[in-house]
N, C-alpha and C. Protein backbone atom coordinates (compact mmCIF):
# COMPACT_ATOMS: atom_id res chain seq x y z
N UNK A 1 0.88 -1.42 -0.18
CA UNK A 1 -0.04 -0.26 0.26
C UNK A 1 1.27 1.13 0.06
N UNK A 2 0.81 2.74 -0.49
CA UNK A 2 1.40 3.18 -1.35
C UNK A 2 0.35 4.25 0.09
N UNK A 3 1.34 5.17 0.89
CA UNK A 3 0.78 6.62 1.59
C UNK A 3 0.88 7.75 0.67
N UNK A 4 2.09 7.58 -0.62
CA UNK A 4 2.70 8.84 -0.88
C UNK A 4 0.98 9.81 -0.94
N UNK A 5 0.95 11.28 -0.45
CA UNK A 5 0.29 12.38 -0.72
C UNK A 5 -0.90 12.75 0.19
N UNK A 6 -0.97 11.38 0.95
CA UNK A 6 -1.55 11.49 2.64
C UNK A 6 -1.72 12.99 3.19
N UNK A 7 0.00 12.77 3.15
CA UNK A 7 0.15 13.56 4.08
C UNK A 7 -0.42 15.27 4.17
N UNK A 8 -0.52 15.61 2.72
CA UNK A 8 -1.55 16.52 1.77
C UNK A 8 -2.16 16.34 2.30
N UNK A 9 -3.59 15.49 1.86
CA UNK A 9 -4.59 15.68 2.54
C UNK A 9 -4.94 15.65 4.36
N UNK A 10 -4.40 15.12 4.84
CA UNK A 10 -4.18 15.57 6.07
C UNK A 10 -3.69 16.69 6.88
N UNK A 11 -2.96 17.48 5.71
CA UNK A 11 -3.18 18.86 6.57
C UNK A 11 -4.15 19.39 5.98
N UNK A 12 -4.99 19.98 4.96
CA UNK A 12 -6.23 19.86 4.27
C UNK A 12 -7.13 19.45 4.84
N UNK A 13 -7.44 19.46 5.73
CA UNK A 13 -8.83 18.72 6.58
C UNK A 13 -8.30 19.73 7.97
N UNK A 14 -7.27 19.67 8.05
CA UNK A 14 -5.93 20.02 10.36
C UNK A 14 -6.47 21.27 9.19
N UNK A 15 -6.37 21.91 7.83
CA UNK A 15 -6.86 23.82 7.89
C UNK A 15 -7.90 23.80 7.64
N UNK A 16 -8.61 23.34 6.76
CA UNK A 16 -10.11 23.71 6.88
C UNK A 16 -11.07 23.55 8.48
N UNK A 17 -10.45 22.25 8.89
CA UNK A 17 -11.14 22.36 10.61
C UNK A 17 -10.33 24.03 11.11
N UNK A 18 -9.43 23.97 10.89
CA UNK A 18 -8.96 25.79 11.82
C UNK A 18 -10.12 26.86 11.67
N UNK A 19 -9.61 27.06 10.19
CA UNK A 19 -10.72 28.27 8.96
C UNK A 19 -12.11 27.96 9.43
N UNK A 20 -12.75 26.73 9.74
CA UNK A 20 -13.98 26.57 10.25
C UNK A 20 -14.38 27.23 11.38
N UNK A 21 -13.23 27.18 12.78
CA UNK A 21 -13.21 27.04 14.31
C UNK A 21 -13.11 29.15 14.49
N UNK A 22 -12.01 28.79 13.52
CA UNK A 22 -11.95 30.18 13.17
C UNK A 22 -12.90 31.20 13.21
N UNK A 23 -13.61 30.86 11.85
CA UNK A 23 -14.72 31.68 11.74
C UNK A 23 -15.88 31.60 12.76
N UNK A 24 -16.51 30.57 13.32
CA UNK A 24 -16.74 30.46 14.12
C UNK A 24 -16.71 31.00 15.56
N UNK A 25 -15.44 31.51 15.64
CA UNK A 25 -15.26 32.62 16.73
C UNK A 25 -15.03 33.60 16.33
N UNK A 26 -14.52 34.17 15.18
CA UNK A 26 -14.63 35.20 15.10
C UNK A 26 -16.87 35.84 14.87
N UNK A 27 -17.48 35.18 14.20
CA UNK A 27 -18.75 35.16 13.82
C UNK A 27 -19.30 35.50 15.85
N UNK A 28 -19.08 34.66 17.04
CA UNK A 28 -19.28 34.91 18.03
C UNK A 28 -18.93 36.05 18.77
N UNK A 29 -17.38 36.80 18.12
CA UNK A 29 -17.70 37.83 18.51
C UNK A 29 -18.08 38.71 17.86
N UNK A 30 -18.55 39.04 16.33
CA UNK A 30 -19.98 40.17 16.03
C UNK A 30 -20.79 39.71 16.56
N UNK A 31 -21.67 38.67 16.82
CA UNK A 31 -22.76 38.60 17.79
C UNK A 31 -22.60 38.87 19.34
N UNK A 32 -21.70 39.58 20.29
CA UNK A 32 -21.53 39.67 21.10
C UNK A 32 -21.25 41.76 21.35
N UNK A 33 -20.41 42.09 19.88
CA UNK A 33 -20.17 43.01 19.89
C UNK A 33 -21.84 44.21 19.52
N UNK A 34 -22.45 43.20 18.44
CA UNK A 34 -23.92 43.42 18.36
C UNK A 34 -24.72 44.06 19.13
N UNK A 35 -24.46 42.74 20.49
CA UNK A 35 -25.41 42.55 21.83
C UNK A 35 -25.24 43.41 22.75
N UNK A 36 -23.41 44.17 22.83
CA UNK A 36 -23.25 45.10 23.49
C UNK A 36 -23.34 47.10 22.33
N UNK A 37 -23.60 46.86 22.00
CA UNK A 37 -23.82 48.61 20.66
C UNK A 37 -25.05 47.92 21.00
N UNK A 38 -26.25 47.03 21.21
CA UNK A 38 -27.74 46.94 21.15
C UNK A 38 -28.27 47.67 22.66
N UNK A 39 -26.97 47.19 23.64
CA UNK A 39 -27.59 47.49 24.92
C UNK A 39 -27.30 48.70 25.43
N UNK A 40 -25.91 49.17 24.32
CA UNK A 40 -26.12 51.17 24.70
C UNK A 40 -26.87 51.72 23.72
N UNK A 41 -27.40 51.14 22.91
CA UNK A 41 -28.83 51.94 22.25
C UNK A 41 -29.50 52.33 22.88
N UNK A 42 -30.05 50.68 22.88
CA UNK A 42 -31.13 50.39 24.18
C UNK A 42 -30.90 51.75 25.41
N UNK A 43 -29.89 51.81 26.22
CA UNK A 43 -29.57 52.21 27.20
C UNK A 43 -30.24 53.92 27.24
N UNK A 44 -29.69 54.67 25.86
CA UNK A 44 -29.52 55.82 25.72
C UNK A 44 -31.40 56.52 25.33
N UNK A 45 -31.78 54.98 24.70
CA UNK A 45 -33.29 55.38 24.45
C UNK A 45 -34.22 55.31 25.79
N UNK A 46 -33.72 54.73 27.09
CA UNK A 46 -34.12 54.59 27.54
C UNK A 46 -33.71 56.10 28.05
N UNK A 47 -33.14 56.87 28.57
CA UNK A 47 -33.17 57.29 29.32
C UNK A 47 -33.77 58.96 29.34
N UNK A 48 -33.35 58.85 27.60
CA UNK A 48 -34.20 60.20 26.29
C UNK A 48 -36.22 59.64 27.40
N UNK A 49 -36.51 58.55 26.85
CA UNK A 49 -37.68 58.14 27.52
C UNK A 49 -38.07 58.07 28.83
N UNK A 50 -37.06 57.92 29.36
CA UNK A 50 -37.84 58.26 30.52
C UNK A 50 -37.14 59.90 31.40
N UNK A 51 -36.46 60.88 30.81
CA UNK A 51 -36.65 62.03 31.37
C UNK A 51 -37.24 62.72 30.42
N UNK A 52 -37.79 62.83 28.66
CA UNK A 52 -38.21 63.77 28.84
C UNK A 52 -39.77 63.80 28.09
N UNK A 53 -39.65 62.18 28.70
CA UNK A 53 -41.70 61.12 27.48
C UNK A 53 -41.24 61.59 26.59
N UNK A 54 -40.51 61.69 25.96
CA UNK A 54 -40.48 61.20 24.13
C UNK A 54 -40.20 60.18 23.83
N UNK A 55 -41.39 59.50 23.57
CA UNK A 55 -41.06 58.36 23.39
C UNK A 55 -40.60 57.97 21.41
N UNK A 56 -41.63 58.44 20.89
CA UNK A 56 -41.17 58.74 19.56
C UNK A 56 -39.49 59.18 19.52
N UNK A 57 -38.93 60.06 19.97
CA UNK A 57 -38.04 60.33 19.89
C UNK A 57 -37.17 59.11 20.23
N UNK A 58 -36.99 59.03 21.65
CA UNK A 58 -36.46 57.35 22.17
C UNK A 58 -36.37 57.02 21.31
N UNK A 59 -37.51 56.42 20.19
CA UNK A 59 -37.27 55.25 19.16
C UNK A 59 -36.71 55.13 17.94
N UNK A 60 -36.39 56.50 17.05
CA UNK A 60 -35.86 56.62 16.59
C UNK A 60 -34.45 56.39 16.84
N UNK A 61 -33.88 57.60 18.06
CA UNK A 61 -32.34 57.27 18.62
C UNK A 61 -32.13 56.47 19.19
N UNK A 62 -32.90 55.53 18.85
CA UNK A 62 -32.46 53.71 18.65
C UNK A 62 -31.82 52.59 17.94
N UNK A 63 -32.97 53.18 17.00
CA UNK A 63 -33.17 52.69 15.65
C UNK A 63 -31.71 52.93 14.46
N UNK A 64 -31.04 54.63 14.49
CA UNK A 64 -30.59 55.29 13.89
C UNK A 64 -29.42 54.99 14.72
N UNK A 65 -28.93 54.94 16.46
CA UNK A 65 -27.85 54.41 17.27
C UNK A 65 -27.69 52.60 16.14
N UNK A 66 -28.61 51.90 16.16
CA UNK A 66 -28.31 50.78 15.80
C UNK A 66 -27.76 50.89 14.44
N UNK A 67 -28.42 51.87 13.28
CA UNK A 67 -27.86 51.12 12.18
C UNK A 67 -26.77 52.28 11.73
N UNK A 68 -26.36 53.44 12.35
CA UNK A 68 -25.32 54.16 12.70
C UNK A 68 -23.64 53.05 13.59
N UNK A 69 -24.07 52.21 14.40
CA UNK A 69 -23.13 51.67 15.21
C UNK A 69 -23.07 50.61 14.49
N UNK A 70 -23.16 49.33 13.67
CA UNK A 70 -23.72 48.29 13.30
C UNK A 70 -24.50 48.01 12.46
N UNK A 71 -24.90 48.90 12.13
CA UNK A 71 -25.64 48.75 10.34
C UNK A 71 -26.62 47.82 10.35
N UNK A 72 -27.23 47.71 11.31
CA UNK A 72 -28.57 47.05 11.20
C UNK A 72 -29.89 47.17 11.34
N UNK A 73 -30.66 46.85 11.08
CA UNK A 73 -31.84 47.52 11.55
C UNK A 73 -32.90 46.85 12.65
N UNK A 74 -33.08 48.18 13.22
CA UNK A 74 -33.23 47.20 14.82
C UNK A 74 -34.83 48.02 14.51
N UNK A 75 -35.20 46.39 15.35
CA UNK A 75 -37.08 47.15 16.07
C UNK A 75 -36.33 47.17 16.89
N UNK A 76 -37.64 48.37 18.03
CA UNK A 76 -38.07 48.90 19.51
C UNK A 76 -39.10 48.71 19.83
N UNK A 77 -38.83 48.92 20.74
CA UNK A 77 -40.62 48.00 21.58
C UNK A 77 -40.12 49.38 23.03
N UNK A 78 -41.72 49.79 23.04
CA UNK A 78 -40.78 50.69 24.60
C UNK A 78 -41.93 50.50 25.53
N UNK A 79 -41.74 50.09 26.49
CA UNK A 79 -43.08 50.48 27.38
C UNK A 79 -42.94 50.80 29.09
N UNK A 80 -43.62 50.53 29.39
CA UNK A 80 -43.66 51.04 31.02
C UNK A 80 -43.32 50.00 31.86
N UNK A 81 -42.38 50.34 32.54
CA UNK A 81 -41.89 49.04 33.37
C UNK A 81 -42.02 49.36 34.88
N UNK A 82 -41.86 48.22 35.98
CA UNK A 82 -41.78 48.68 37.02
C UNK A 82 -40.24 48.39 38.21
N UNK A 83 -40.07 48.83 38.59
CA UNK A 83 -37.70 48.83 39.33
C UNK A 83 -38.58 48.49 40.53
N UNK A 84 -38.79 47.70 41.25
CA UNK A 84 -39.05 48.11 42.79
C UNK A 84 -39.95 49.08 43.57
N UNK A 85 -41.23 48.90 42.80
CA UNK A 85 -41.97 49.64 42.92
C UNK A 85 -42.36 51.35 42.63
N UNK A 86 -41.42 51.27 41.31
CA UNK A 86 -40.65 52.89 40.97
C UNK A 86 -41.49 52.67 39.70
N UNK A 87 -41.70 53.95 39.27
CA UNK A 87 -41.70 53.56 37.32
C UNK A 87 -41.41 54.12 36.59
N UNK A 88 -40.61 53.13 35.75
CA UNK A 88 -39.95 52.77 35.29
C UNK A 88 -39.86 52.26 33.42
N UNK A 89 -38.81 52.99 32.45
CA UNK A 89 -39.85 52.52 31.51
C UNK A 89 -38.48 51.74 30.66
N UNK A 90 -38.64 50.72 29.91
CA UNK A 90 -37.81 49.62 29.10
C UNK A 90 -38.22 49.53 28.40
N UNK A 91 -36.67 49.45 27.58
CA UNK A 91 -36.32 49.71 26.29
C UNK A 91 -35.51 48.95 24.84
N UNK A 92 -36.44 48.34 24.37
CA UNK A 92 -36.45 46.70 24.49
C UNK A 92 -35.78 47.09 23.07
N UNK A 93 -34.47 46.58 22.28
CA UNK A 93 -33.52 46.39 20.83
C UNK A 93 -33.70 45.25 20.41
N UNK A 94 -33.63 45.45 19.33
CA UNK A 94 -33.88 43.73 18.68
C UNK A 94 -33.08 43.89 17.36
N UNK A 95 -32.47 43.26 16.75
CA UNK A 95 -31.78 43.74 15.55
C UNK A 95 -31.20 42.33 15.19
N UNK A 96 -31.15 41.55 13.84
CA UNK A 96 -29.73 40.49 12.84
C UNK A 96 -28.49 41.02 13.41
N UNK A 97 -27.53 39.87 13.76
CA UNK A 97 -25.96 40.49 13.92
C UNK A 97 -25.60 40.11 12.80
N UNK A 98 -24.36 40.29 12.52
CA UNK A 98 -24.16 39.82 10.69
C UNK A 98 -23.82 39.33 10.62
N UNK A 99 -23.72 38.73 9.26
CA UNK A 99 -23.10 37.08 8.55
C UNK A 99 -21.51 37.05 8.58
N UNK A 100 -21.06 35.80 9.05
CA UNK A 100 -19.97 35.22 8.41
C UNK A 100 -19.73 34.17 7.75
N UNK A 101 -19.38 33.93 6.91
CA UNK A 101 -19.25 32.18 6.67
C UNK A 101 -20.69 31.24 6.80
N UNK A 102 -20.71 30.30 6.78
CA UNK A 102 -21.49 29.43 5.75
C UNK A 102 -22.57 29.94 7.40
N UNK A 103 -22.65 30.55 8.96
CA UNK A 103 -23.56 30.84 9.04
C UNK A 103 -24.89 31.22 9.23
N UNK A 104 -26.35 30.74 9.63
CA UNK A 104 -27.00 32.37 9.83
C UNK A 104 -26.60 33.45 10.94
N UNK A 105 -28.04 34.55 10.44
CA UNK A 105 -27.78 35.12 11.15
C UNK A 105 -28.67 35.08 12.61
N UNK A 106 -28.26 35.44 13.04
CA UNK A 106 -29.08 35.61 14.72
C UNK A 106 -29.93 36.76 14.73
N UNK A 107 -30.57 36.19 15.91
CA UNK A 107 -31.37 37.51 15.82
C UNK A 107 -31.18 37.76 17.10
N UNK A 108 -30.30 38.93 17.95
CA UNK A 108 -29.40 40.16 18.93
C UNK A 108 -30.82 40.72 19.59
N UNK A 109 -31.44 40.58 20.78
CA UNK A 109 -31.55 41.50 22.14
C UNK A 109 -31.19 42.15 22.94
N UNK A 110 -31.37 43.37 23.01
CA UNK A 110 -30.95 44.20 24.58
C UNK A 110 -31.87 45.51 24.58
N UNK A 111 -32.11 44.44 26.29
CA UNK A 111 -33.23 45.21 27.53
C UNK A 111 -32.23 46.70 28.46
N UNK A 112 -32.95 48.32 28.28
CA UNK A 112 -32.73 48.57 29.01
C UNK A 112 -33.75 49.29 29.84
N UNK A 113 -33.09 49.89 30.59
CA UNK A 113 -34.53 50.44 32.01
C UNK A 113 -33.83 51.97 32.75
N UNK A 114 -34.58 52.31 32.72
CA UNK A 114 -34.23 53.71 33.39
C UNK A 114 -35.91 54.58 34.20
N UNK A 115 -34.99 54.59 35.07
CA UNK A 115 -36.26 55.08 35.86
C UNK A 115 -37.03 56.62 35.13
N UNK A 116 -38.76 56.64 35.63
CA UNK A 116 -39.27 57.34 34.72
C UNK A 116 -38.99 58.58 35.70
N UNK A 117 -38.34 59.82 35.05
CA UNK A 117 -38.30 61.41 36.03
C UNK A 117 -39.03 61.94 36.15
N UNK A 118 -39.77 62.20 35.31
CA UNK A 118 -41.42 62.95 35.50
C UNK A 118 -42.38 62.39 36.54
N UNK A 119 -41.71 60.87 36.53
CA UNK A 119 -43.08 60.22 37.75
C UNK A 119 -42.17 60.36 39.11
N UNK A 120 -41.54 60.74 38.99
CA UNK A 120 -40.54 61.38 40.23
C UNK A 120 -40.83 62.61 40.82
N UNK A 121 -40.56 63.29 39.33
CA UNK A 121 -40.76 64.55 39.78
C UNK A 121 -39.77 65.08 40.07
N UNK A 122 -39.14 65.29 38.57
CA UNK A 122 -37.92 65.98 38.75
C UNK A 122 -37.73 66.59 38.01
N UNK A 123 -36.51 67.99 37.49
CA UNK A 123 -37.28 68.70 37.13
C UNK A 123 -36.80 68.83 35.54
């Protein structure tokens, strides 16, 4: 039996495996970055909605933040919430993570809350 050329095939499969694992790690890093950025966008929108009671301004700010930061179209939900007996605003920003390689784009969601300053009597 002749084993010539076997090392080449073994190296080819090893390289393909390393590339697939590397792309997978990069995809996870992109998804985590997208989630962190959407969390920052949600927090900013929650502060706007809680301070001025400007729900539409907060929604448009979250959408533009997501679009400008990570290039995703985001769905934004703003609703009243309870934070330990205090009135709060909860903002959820949801978008699709950018895709690398053969993986499908997953949906990434981030939620942030802020105390409703109008209900607290803040100036």
